[in-house]
């Protein structure tokens, strides 16, 4: 899988990871756990590393910890989770619980949806200095929040931003993606398929013939490569509980990525559907 450097460290990060919202919210004893293990195996076998979770995602953090322990694969994972509460003490307690559930130190701790971000940012700076975490991030998933994310990174040094961006929701292109590149902030993209809505719009439609020039074999790869073609994007985290879907997703991180002109063509084609 292709990699891109995290700007603040130059550590190479594989460009396709996995999100765990809904897909990994199952009981750690659930019979379907093997399916989630296979999804992680697909990710690792392709050279992927990033696994993104949150206390907001039910049992997902604990499931990730159980699976990585079973697989003895902690060294293959880049673990990202979030703090999603108000108050310093509550934040410290929640982040400590997340590390315990995931059975590992956290690589990237993010402030989920900017909840009490000023308070948590102070804690995260201390934790990073103490090497309890390696990177600090901020997240959101709505278009109106993009301006606030931009305002924060103009004045605060932040390692990572995570936000929504897709071929049909391109608001981040105007301001936030260029600013992240300027400020040296890594970018993780969530909701790359518009929570699945993109597939409904192309059901029964064939890929354009020229998509093969971009090493696209499916609509999923078309949507992911559009995102990954933007040079400011570090990693995209499509979520799935299905190994076949995971195989399709990680393939988007292999082979050619579109350049600016090709991305423009992709967007125009989408807009014409």
C-alpha atoms as a PDB file:
ATOM      1  CA  UNK A   1       0.000   0.000   0.000  1.00  0.00           C
ATOM      2  CA  UNK A   2       1.118   3.547  -0.696  1.00  0.00           C
ATOM      3  CA  UNK A   3       2.086   5.716   2.252  1.00  0.00           C
ATOM      4  CA  UNK A   4       2.190   9.425   2.995  1.00  0.00           C
ATOM      5  CA  UNK A   5       4.289  11.114   5.674  1.00  0.00           C
ATOM      6  CA  UNK A   6       2.741  12.541   8.825  1.00  0.00           C
ATOM      7  CA  UNK A   7       3.953  16.140   8.476  1.00  0.00           C
ATOM      8  CA  UNK A   8       4.973  16.689  12.107  1.00  0.00           C
ATOM      9  CA  UNK A   9       7.163  13.564  12.265  1.00  0.00           C
ATOM     10  CA  UNK A  10       7.653  12.346   8.667  1.00  0.00           C
ATOM     11  CA  UNK A  11       6.535   8.878   9.846  1.00  0.00           C
ATOM     12  CA  UNK A  12       5.072   7.085   6.794  1.00  0.00           C
ATOM     13  CA  UNK A  13       1.407   6.210   7.199  1.00  0.00           C
ATOM     14  CA  UNK A  14      -0.445   3.792   4.873  1.00  0.00           C
ATOM     15  CA  UNK A  15      -3.160   5.710   3.060  1.00  0.00           C
ATOM     16  CA  UNK A  16      -6.130   3.357   3.649  1.00  0.00           C
ATOM     17  CA  UNK A  17      -7.181   2.400   7.172  1.00  0.00           C
ATOM     18  CA  UNK A  18     -10.439   1.304   8.727  1.00  0.00           C
ATOM     19  CA  UNK A  19     -13.143   2.990  10.781  1.00  0.00           C
ATOM     20  CA  UNK A  20     -14.963   0.992  13.454  1.00  0.00           C
ATOM     21  CA  UNK A  21     -18.200   2.943  13.866  1.00  0.00           C
ATOM     22  CA  UNK A  22     -21.128   0.489  13.906  1.00  0.00           C
ATOM     23  CA  UNK A  23     -19.137  -2.248  12.132  1.00  0.00           C
ATOM     24  CA  UNK A  24     -17.171  -3.264  15.258  1.00  0.00           C
ATOM     25  CA  UNK A  25     -19.873  -2.588  17.834  1.00  0.00           C
ATOM     26  CA  UNK A  26     -20.507  -6.243  18.701  1.00  0.00           C
ATOM     27  CA  UNK A  27     -20.004  -8.257  21.882  1.00  0.00           C
ATOM     28  CA  UNK A  28     -16.413  -9.508  22.305  1.00  0.00           C
ATOM     29  CA  UNK A  29     -17.896 -13.021  22.525  1.00  0.00           C
ATOM     30  CA  UNK A  30     -20.100 -12.620  19.431  1.00  0.00           C
ATOM     31  CA  UNK A  31     -19.873 -15.405  16.854  1.00  0.00           C
ATOM     32  CA  UNK A  32     -19.336 -12.718  14.212  1.00  0.00           C
ATOM     33  CA  UNK A  33     -16.039 -11.676  15.796  1.00  0.00           C
ATOM     34  CA  UNK A  34     -14.133 -13.867  13.354  1.00  0.00           C
ATOM     35  CA  UNK A  35     -15.466 -11.776  10.494  1.00  0.00           C
ATOM     36  CA  UNK A  36     -14.035  -8.632  12.092  1.00  0.00           C
ATOM     37  CA  UNK A  37     -10.733 -10.412  12.628  1.00  0.00           C
ATOM     38  CA  UNK A  38     -10.627 -11.224   8.920  1.00  0.00           C
ATOM     39  CA  UNK A  39     -11.266  -7.554   8.108  1.00  0.00           C
ATOM     40  CA  UNK A  40      -8.221  -6.582  10.186  1.00  0.00           C
ATOM     41  CA  UNK A  41      -6.206  -9.367   8.568  1.00  0.00           C
ATOM     42  CA  UNK A  42      -7.078  -7.986   5.131  1.00  0.00           C
ATOM     43  CA  UNK A  43      -5.970  -4.522   6.245  1.00  0.00           C
ATOM     44  CA  UNK A  44      -2.638  -5.725   7.612  1.00  0.00           C
ATOM     45  CA  UNK A  45      -1.913  -8.073   4.705  1.00  0.00           C
ATOM     46  CA  UNK A  46      -2.310  -5.129   2.311  1.00  0.00           C
ATOM     47  CA  UNK A  47       0.114  -3.036   4.361  1.00  0.00           C
ATOM     48  CA  UNK A  48      -2.541  -0.932   6.121  1.00  0.00           C
ATOM     49  CA  UNK A  49      -2.220   0.107   9.772  1.00  0.00           C
ATOM     50  CA  UNK A  50      -4.712   2.759  10.847  1.00  0.00           C
ATOM     51  CA  UNK A  51      -7.634   1.609  13.012  1.00  0.00           C
ATOM     52  CA  UNK A  52      -9.878   4.440  14.157  1.00  0.00           C
ATOM     53  CA  UNK A  53     -12.358   4.160  17.030  1.00  0.00           C
ATOM     54  CA  UNK A  54     -14.093   6.146  19.775  1.00  0.00           C
ATOM     55  CA  UNK A  55     -15.888   5.671  23.112  1.00  0.00           C
ATOM     56  CA  UNK A  56     -18.938   6.840  21.137  1.00  0.00           C
ATOM     57  CA  UNK A  57     -18.774   3.631  19.082  1.00  0.00           C
ATOM     58  CA  UNK A  58     -20.159   1.320  21.747  1.00  0.00           C
ATOM     59  CA  UNK A  59     -18.040  -1.818  22.157  1.00  0.00           C
ATOM     60  CA  UNK A  60     -15.741  -1.122  19.202  1.00  0.00           C
ATOM     61  CA  UNK A  61     -12.649  -0.171  21.227  1.00  0.00           C
ATOM     62  CA  UNK A  62     -12.879  -3.356  23.305  1.00  0.00           C
ATOM     63  CA  UNK A  63     -13.423  -5.504  20.198  1.00  0.00           C
ATOM     64  CA  UNK A  64     -10.323  -4.015  18.560  1.00  0.00           C
ATOM     65  CA  UNK A  65      -8.302  -4.770  21.680  1.00  0.00           C
ATOM     66  CA  UNK A  66      -9.553  -8.362  21.884  1.00  0.00           C
ATOM     67  CA  UNK A  67      -8.854  -9.010  18.210  1.00  0.00           C
ATOM     68  CA  UNK A  68      -5.385  -7.480  18.184  1.00  0.00           C
ATOM     69  CA  UNK A  69      -4.522  -9.515  21.264  1.00  0.00           C
ATOM     70  CA  UNK A  70      -5.785 -12.718  19.626  1.00  0.00           C
ATOM     71  CA  UNK A  71      -3.864 -11.925  16.462  1.00  0.00           C
ATOM     72  CA  UNK A  72      -0.736 -10.769  18.332  1.00  0.00           C
ATOM     73  CA  UNK A  73      -0.821  -7.832  15.941  1.00  0.00           C
ATOM     74  CA  UNK A  74      -0.391  -4.738  18.105  1.00  0.00           C
ATOM     75  CA  UNK A  75       2.886  -3.973  16.328  1.00  0.00           C
ATOM     76  CA  UNK A  76       1.052  -3.864  12.990  1.00  0.00           C
ATOM     77  CA  UNK A  77      -1.549  -1.326  14.096  1.00  0.00           C
ATOM     78  CA  UNK A  78      -1.633   2.447  14.309  1.00  0.00           C
ATOM     79  CA  UNK A  79      -4.349   2.944  16.927  1.00  0.00           C
ATOM     80  CA  UNK A  80      -6.456   6.096  16.873  1.00  0.00           C
ATOM     81  CA  UNK A  81      -9.316   6.815  19.235  1.00  0.00           C
ATOM     82  CA  UNK A  82     -11.011   9.823  20.764  1.00  0.00           C
ATOM     83  CA  UNK A  83     -12.040  11.640  23.913  1.00  0.00           C
ATOM     84  CA  UNK A  84     -15.733  12.468  23.956  1.00  0.00           C
ATOM     85  CA  UNK A  85     -16.767  14.080  27.229  1.00  0.00           C
ATOM     86  CA  UNK A  86     -16.546  17.372  29.124  1.00  0.00           C
ATOM     87  CA  UNK A  87     -14.143  18.251  31.912  1.00  0.00           C
ATOM     88  CA  UNK A  88     -10.495  17.491  32.561  1.00  0.00           C
ATOM     89  CA  UNK A  89     -10.980  14.654  35.048  1.00  0.00           C
ATOM     90  CA  UNK A  90     -13.681  12.998  32.942  1.00  0.00           C
ATOM     91  CA  UNK A  91     -11.452  13.243  29.880  1.00  0.00           C
ATOM     92  CA  UNK A  92      -8.475  11.669  31.620  1.00  0.00           C
ATOM     93  CA  UNK A  93     -10.665   8.874  32.951  1.00  0.00           C
ATOM     94  CA  UNK A  94     -12.217   8.189  29.545  1.00  0.00           C
ATOM     95  CA  UNK A  95      -8.887   8.174  27.695  1.00  0.00           C
ATOM     96  CA  UNK A  96      -7.389   5.814  30.268  1.00  0.00           C
ATOM     97  CA  UNK A  97     -10.390   3.509  29.854  1.00  0.00           C
ATOM     98  CA  UNK A  98      -9.942   3.571  26.067  1.00  0.00           C
ATOM     99  CA  UNK A  99      -6.312   2.482  26.358  1.00  0.00           C
ATOM    100  CA  UNK A 100      -7.346  -0.323  28.700  1.00  0.00           C
ATOM    101  CA  UNK A 101     -10.078  -1.492  26.313  1.00  0.00           C
ATOM    102  CA  UNK A 102      -7.747  -1.399  23.324  1.00  0.00           C
ATOM    103  CA  UNK A 103      -5.070  -3.137  25.422  1.00  0.00           C
ATOM    104  CA  UNK A 104      -2.388  -0.844  24.077  1.00  0.00           C
ATOM    105  CA  UNK A 105      -0.937   2.610  24.157  1.00  0.00           C
ATOM    106  CA  UNK A 106      -2.788   4.911  21.772  1.00  0.00           C
ATOM    107  CA  UNK A 107      -0.878   6.361  18.832  1.00  0.00           C
ATOM    108  CA  UNK A 108      -3.329   9.157  18.052  1.00  0.00           C
ATOM    109  CA  UNK A 109      -5.784  10.626  20.556  1.00  0.00           C
ATOM    110  CA  UNK A 110      -8.381  12.905  18.978  1.00  0.00           C
ATOM    111  CA  UNK A 111     -10.910  15.276  20.489  1.00  0.00           C
ATOM    112  CA  UNK A 112     -14.193  13.915  19.175  1.00  0.00           C
ATOM    113  CA  UNK A 113     -16.431  16.468  17.473  1.00  0.00           C
ATOM    114  CA  UNK A 114     -14.498  19.242  19.260  1.00  0.00           C
ATOM    115  CA  UNK A 115     -16.285  18.553  22.576  1.00  0.00           C
ATOM    116  CA  UNK A 116     -14.577  20.718  25.268  1.00  0.00           C
ATOM    117  CA  UNK A 117     -11.542  20.860  23.009  1.00  0.00           C
ATOM    118  CA  UNK A 118      -9.645  23.557  24.904  1.00  0.00           C
ATOM    119  CA  UNK A 119      -9.684  21.526  28.128  1.00  0.00           C
ATOM    120  CA  UNK A 120      -8.695  18.268  26.467  1.00  0.00           C
ATOM    121  CA  UNK A 121      -6.009  19.887  24.342  1.00  0.00           C
ATOM    122  CA  UNK A 122      -4.155  20.920  27.503  1.00  0.00           C
ATOM    123  CA  UNK A 123      -4.271  17.336  28.746  1.00  0.00           C
ATOM    124  CA  UNK A 124      -3.186  15.923  25.399  1.00  0.00           C
ATOM    125  CA  UNK A 125      -0.191  18.239  25.210  1.00  0.00           C
ATOM    126  CA  UNK A 126       0.906  16.969  28.621  1.00  0.00           C
ATOM    127  CA  UNK A 127       0.303  13.343  27.629  1.00  0.00           C
ATOM    128  CA  UNK A 128       2.289  13.777  24.427  1.00  0.00           C
ATOM    129  CA  UNK A 129       5.195  15.315  26.317  1.00  0.00           C
ATOM    130  CA  UNK A 130       5.047  12.353  28.725  1.00  0.00           C
ATOM    131  CA  UNK A 131       4.923   9.938  25.738  1.00  0.00           C
ATOM    132  CA  UNK A 132       1.564   8.504  26.780  1.00  0.00           C
ATOM    133  CA  UNK A 133       0.366   9.226  23.238  1.00  0.00           C
ATOM    134  CA  UNK A 134       2.288  10.049  20.061  1.00  0.00           C
ATOM    135  CA  UNK A 135      -0.071  12.399  18.220  1.00  0.00           C
ATOM    136  CA  UNK A 136      -2.886  14.856  18.932  1.00  0.00           C
ATOM    137  CA  UNK A 137      -5.935  15.293  16.704  1.00  0.00           C
ATOM    138  CA  UNK A 138      -9.282  17.007  16.310  1.00  0.00           C
ATOM    139  CA  UNK A 139     -12.330  15.509  14.607  1.00  0.00           C
ATOM    140  CA  UNK A 140     -15.734  16.389  13.229  1.00  0.00           C
ATOM    141  CA  UNK A 141     -18.036  15.048  10.549  1.00  0.00           C
ATOM    142  CA  UNK A 142     -20.249  17.991   9.501  1.00  0.00           C
ATOM    143  CA  UNK A 143     -19.625  20.684   6.897  1.00  0.00           C
ATOM    144  CA  UNK A 144     -20.457  23.598   9.265  1.00  0.00           C
ATOM    145  CA  UNK A 145     -17.650  22.451  11.582  1.00  0.00           C
ATOM    146  CA  UNK A 146     -14.978  22.867   8.894  1.00  0.00           C
ATOM    147  CA  UNK A 147     -14.615  26.579   9.615  1.00  0.00           C
ATOM    148  CA  UNK A 148     -13.999  25.935  13.318  1.00  0.00           C
ATOM    149  CA  UNK A 149     -11.396  23.283  12.532  1.00  0.00           C
ATOM    150  CA  UNK A 150      -9.685  25.775  10.233  1.00  0.00           C
ATOM    151  CA  UNK A 151      -9.747  28.502  12.883  1.00  0.00           C
ATOM    152  CA  UNK A 152      -8.163  26.200  15.467  1.00  0.00           C
ATOM    153  CA  UNK A 153      -5.251  25.015  13.338  1.00  0.00           C
ATOM    154  CA  UNK A 154      -4.446  28.590  12.390  1.00  0.00           C
ATOM    155  CA  UNK A 155      -3.391  29.205  16.002  1.00  0.00           C
ATOM    156  CA  UNK A 156      -2.807  25.758  17.548  1.00  0.00           C
ATOM    157  CA  UNK A 157      -0.213  23.186  16.434  1.00  0.00           C
ATOM    158  CA  UNK A 158      -2.247  20.023  15.792  1.00  0.00           C
ATOM    159  CA  UNK A 159      -0.827  16.779  14.385  1.00  0.00           C
ATOM    160  CA  UNK A 160      -4.035  15.450  12.789  1.00  0.00           C
ATOM    161  CA  UNK A 161      -7.447  16.608  11.632  1.00  0.00           C
ATOM    162  CA  UNK A 162     -10.238  14.163  10.852  1.00  0.00           C
ATOM    163  CA  UNK A 163     -13.317  15.257   8.935  1.00  0.00           C
ATOM    164  CA  UNK A 164     -15.785  14.231   6.245  1.00  0.00           C
ATOM    165  CA  UNK A 165     -14.882  14.569   2.596  1.00  0.00           C
ATOM    166  CA  UNK A 166     -16.182  12.661  -0.408  1.00  0.00           C
ATOM    167  CA  UNK A 167     -16.869  13.037  -4.101  1.00  0.00           C
ATOM    168  CA  UNK A 168     -20.312  14.451  -3.318  1.00  0.00           C
ATOM    169  CA  UNK A 169     -19.329  16.548  -0.262  1.00  0.00           C
ATOM    170  CA  UNK A 170     -16.368  18.609  -1.394  1.00  0.00           C
ATOM    171  CA  UNK A 171     -16.625  21.649   0.886  1.00  0.00           C
ATOM    172  CA  UNK A 172     -13.238  20.923   2.494  1.00  0.00           C
ATOM    173  CA  UNK A 173     -11.480  21.596  -0.822  1.00  0.00           C
ATOM    174  CA  UNK A 174     -12.095  25.314  -0.676  1.00  0.00           C
ATOM    175  CA  UNK A 175     -10.313  26.108   2.552  1.00  0.00           C
ATOM    176  CA  UNK A 176      -9.531  23.351   5.014  1.00  0.00           C
ATOM    177  CA  UNK A 177      -7.494  20.956   2.875  1.00  0.00           C
ATOM    178  CA  UNK A 178      -5.180  23.711   1.564  1.00  0.00           C
ATOM    179  CA  UNK A 179      -4.818  25.119   5.082  1.00  0.00           C
ATOM    180  CA  UNK A 180      -3.955  21.705   6.534  1.00  0.00           C
ATOM    181  CA  UNK A 181      -1.212  21.354   3.930  1.00  0.00           C
ATOM    182  CA  UNK A 182       0.058  24.844   4.711  1.00  0.00           C
ATOM    183  CA  UNK A 183       0.047  24.224   8.472  1.00  0.00           C
ATOM    184  CA  UNK A 184       1.640  20.774   8.263  1.00  0.00           C
ATOM    185  CA  UNK A 185      -1.367  18.945   9.661  1.00  0.00           C
ATOM    186  CA  UNK A 186      -2.090  15.356   8.667  1.00  0.00           C
ATOM    187  CA  UNK A 187      -5.618  14.645   7.425  1.00  0.00           C
ATOM    188  CA  UNK A 188      -7.759  11.561   8.048  1.00  0.00           C
ATOM    189  CA  UNK A 189     -10.973  11.408   6.037  1.00  0.00           C
ATOM    190  CA  UNK A 190     -14.141   9.897   7.485  1.00  0.00           C
ATOM    191  CA  UNK A 191     -17.465   9.208   5.730  1.00  0.00           C
ATOM    192  CA  UNK A 192     -15.763   8.664   2.346  1.00  0.00           C
ATOM    193  CA  UNK A 193     -18.886   6.944   0.987  1.00  0.00           C
ATOM    194  CA  UNK A 194     -21.357   9.427   2.472  1.00  0.00           C
ATOM    195  CA  UNK A 195     -22.446   6.772   5.009  1.00  0.00           C
ATOM    196  CA  UNK A 196     -23.097   4.466   2.066  1.00  0.00           C
ATOM    197  CA  UNK A 197     -25.353   6.830   0.137  1.00  0.00           C
ATOM    198  CA  UNK A 198     -22.971   7.065  -2.827  1.00  0.00           C
ATOM    199  CA  UNK A 199     -23.506   3.425  -3.740  1.00  0.00           C
ATOM    200  CA  UNK A 200     -27.253   3.923  -4.007  1.00  0.00           C
ATOM    201  CA  UNK A 201     -26.694   6.611  -6.605  1.00  0.00           C
ATOM    202  CA  UNK A 202     -24.557   4.382  -8.836  1.00  0.00           C
ATOM    203  CA  UNK A 203     -26.477   1.130  -8.434  1.00  0.00           C
ATOM    204  CA  UNK A 204     -26.816  -0.451 -11.859  1.00  0.00           C
ATOM    205  CA  UNK A 205     -24.410   2.039 -13.446  1.00  0.00           C
ATOM    206  CA  UNK A 206     -21.127   0.911 -14.966  1.00  0.00           C
ATOM    207  CA  UNK A 207     -17.835   2.580 -14.138  1.00  0.00           C
ATOM    208  CA  UNK A 208     -16.598   4.928 -16.868  1.00  0.00           C
ATOM    209  CA  UNK A 209     -14.192   3.079 -19.141  1.00  0.00           C
ATOM    210  CA  UNK A 210     -11.386   5.504 -18.352  1.00  0.00           C
ATOM    211  CA  UNK A 211     -11.521   4.565 -14.637  1.00  0.00           C
ATOM    212  CA  UNK A 212      -9.297   1.589 -15.439  1.00  0.00           C
ATOM    213  CA  UNK A 213      -6.517   4.056 -16.232  1.00  0.00           C
ATOM    214  CA  UNK A 214      -6.585   4.900 -12.501  1.00  0.00           C
ATOM    215  CA  UNK A 215      -6.482   1.237 -11.450  1.00  0.00           C
ATOM    216  CA  UNK A 216     -10.132   1.419 -10.369  1.00  0.00           C
ATOM    217  CA  UNK A 217     -11.999  -1.890 -10.467  1.00  0.00           C
ATOM    218  CA  UNK A 218     -15.105  -0.780  -8.537  1.00  0.00           C
ATOM    219  CA  UNK A 219     -17.136   2.247  -7.585  1.00  0.00           C
ATOM    220  CA  UNK A 220     -15.741   2.001  -4.054  1.00  0.00           C
ATOM    221  CA  UNK A 221     -12.210   2.339  -5.380  1.00  0.00           C
ATOM    222  CA  UNK A 222     -13.320   5.202  -7.633  1.00  0.00           C
ATOM    223  CA  UNK A 223     -14.688   7.099  -4.607  1.00  0.00           C
ATOM    224  CA  UNK A 224     -11.645   6.384  -2.437  1.00  0.00           C
ATOM    225  CA  UNK A 225      -9.074   7.215  -5.110  1.00  0.00           C
ATOM    226  CA  UNK A 226     -10.825  10.527  -5.740  1.00  0.00           C
ATOM    227  CA  UNK A 227     -10.184  11.406  -2.080  1.00  0.00           C
ATOM    228  CA  UNK A 228      -6.672   9.987  -1.945  1.00  0.00           C
ATOM    229  CA  UNK A 229      -5.684  11.863  -5.074  1.00  0.00           C
ATOM    230  CA  UNK A 230      -5.790  15.084  -3.068  1.00  0.00           C
ATOM    231  CA  UNK A 231      -2.215  15.640  -1.859  1.00  0.00           C
ATOM    232  CA  UNK A 232      -3.335  17.022   1.513  1.00  0.00           C
ATOM    233  CA  UNK A 233      -5.101  13.772   2.456  1.00  0.00           C
ATOM    234  CA  UNK A 234      -2.951  11.448   4.550  1.00  0.00           C
ATOM    235  CA  UNK A 235      -5.345   8.542   5.118  1.00  0.00           C
ATOM    236  CA  UNK A 236      -8.963   7.539   4.533  1.00  0.00           C
ATOM    237  CA  UNK A 237     -10.870   5.262   6.928  1.00  0.00           C
ATOM    238  CA  UNK A 238     -13.832   3.486   5.320  1.00  0.00           C
ATOM    239  CA  UNK A 239     -15.671   1.303   7.819  1.00  0.00           C
ATOM    240  CA  UNK A 240     -16.842  -2.221   7.129  1.00  0.00           C
ATOM    241  CA  UNK A 241     -17.475  -5.541   8.837  1.00  0.00           C
ATOM    242  CA  UNK A 242     -17.263  -7.464   5.554  1.00  0.00           C
ATOM    243  CA  UNK A 243     -13.914  -8.915   4.434  1.00  0.00           C
ATOM    244  CA  UNK A 244     -14.823  -8.644   0.744  1.00  0.00           C
ATOM    245  CA  UNK A 245     -15.557  -4.956   1.135  1.00  0.00           C
ATOM    246  CA  UNK A 246     -12.313  -4.520   3.067  1.00  0.00           C
ATOM    247  CA  UNK A 247     -10.381  -6.138   0.201  1.00  0.00           C
ATOM    248  CA  UNK A 248     -11.985  -3.751  -2.244  1.00  0.00           C
ATOM    249  CA  UNK A 249     -11.230  -0.768  -0.022  1.00  0.00           C
ATOM    250  CA  UNK A 250      -7.556  -1.509   0.573  1.00  0.00           C
ATOM    251  CA  UNK A 251      -7.033  -1.985  -3.160  1.00  0.00           C
ATOM    252  CA  UNK A 252      -7.701   1.744  -3.536  1.00  0.00           C
ATOM    253  CA  UNK A 253      -4.403   2.365  -1.765  1.00  0.00           C
ATOM    254  CA  UNK A 254      -2.474   0.374  -4.348  1.00  0.00           C
ATOM    255  CA  UNK A 255      -1.579   1.457  -7.864  1.00  0.00           C
ATOM    256  CA  UNK A 256      -2.147   4.855  -9.459  1.00  0.00           C
ATOM    257  CA  UNK A 257      -3.798   7.799  -7.787  1.00  0.00           C
ATOM    258  CA  UNK A 258      -5.456  10.522  -9.872  1.00  0.00           C
ATOM    259  CA  UNK A 259      -3.721  13.845 -10.409  1.00  0.00           C
ATOM    260  CA  UNK A 260      -5.512  17.183 -10.208  1.00  0.00           C
ATOM    261  CA  UNK A 261      -6.838  17.053 -13.766  1.00  0.00           C
ATOM    262  CA  UNK A 262      -8.054  13.485 -13.349  1.00  0.00           C
ATOM    263  CA  UNK A 263      -9.763  14.326 -10.058  1.00  0.00           C
ATOM    264  CA  UNK A 264     -11.534  17.190 -11.823  1.00  0.00           C
ATOM    265  CA  UNK A 265     -12.714  14.744 -14.473  1.00  0.00           C
ATOM    266  CA  UNK A 266     -13.936  12.330 -11.776  1.00  0.00           C
ATOM    267  CA  UNK A 267     -15.886  15.063 -10.002  1.00  0.00           C
ATOM    268  CA  UNK A 268     -17.428  16.279 -13.258  1.00  0.00           C
ATOM    269  CA  UNK A 269     -18.467  12.742 -14.132  1.00  0.00           C
ATOM    270  CA  UNK A 270     -20.066  12.314 -10.715  1.00  0.00           C
ATOM    271  CA  UNK A 271     -21.894  15.631 -11.036  1.00  0.00           C
ATOM    272  CA  UNK A 272     -23.282  14.527 -14.390  1.00  0.00           C
ATOM    273  CA  UNK A 273     -24.875  11.345 -13.037  1.00  0.00           C
END
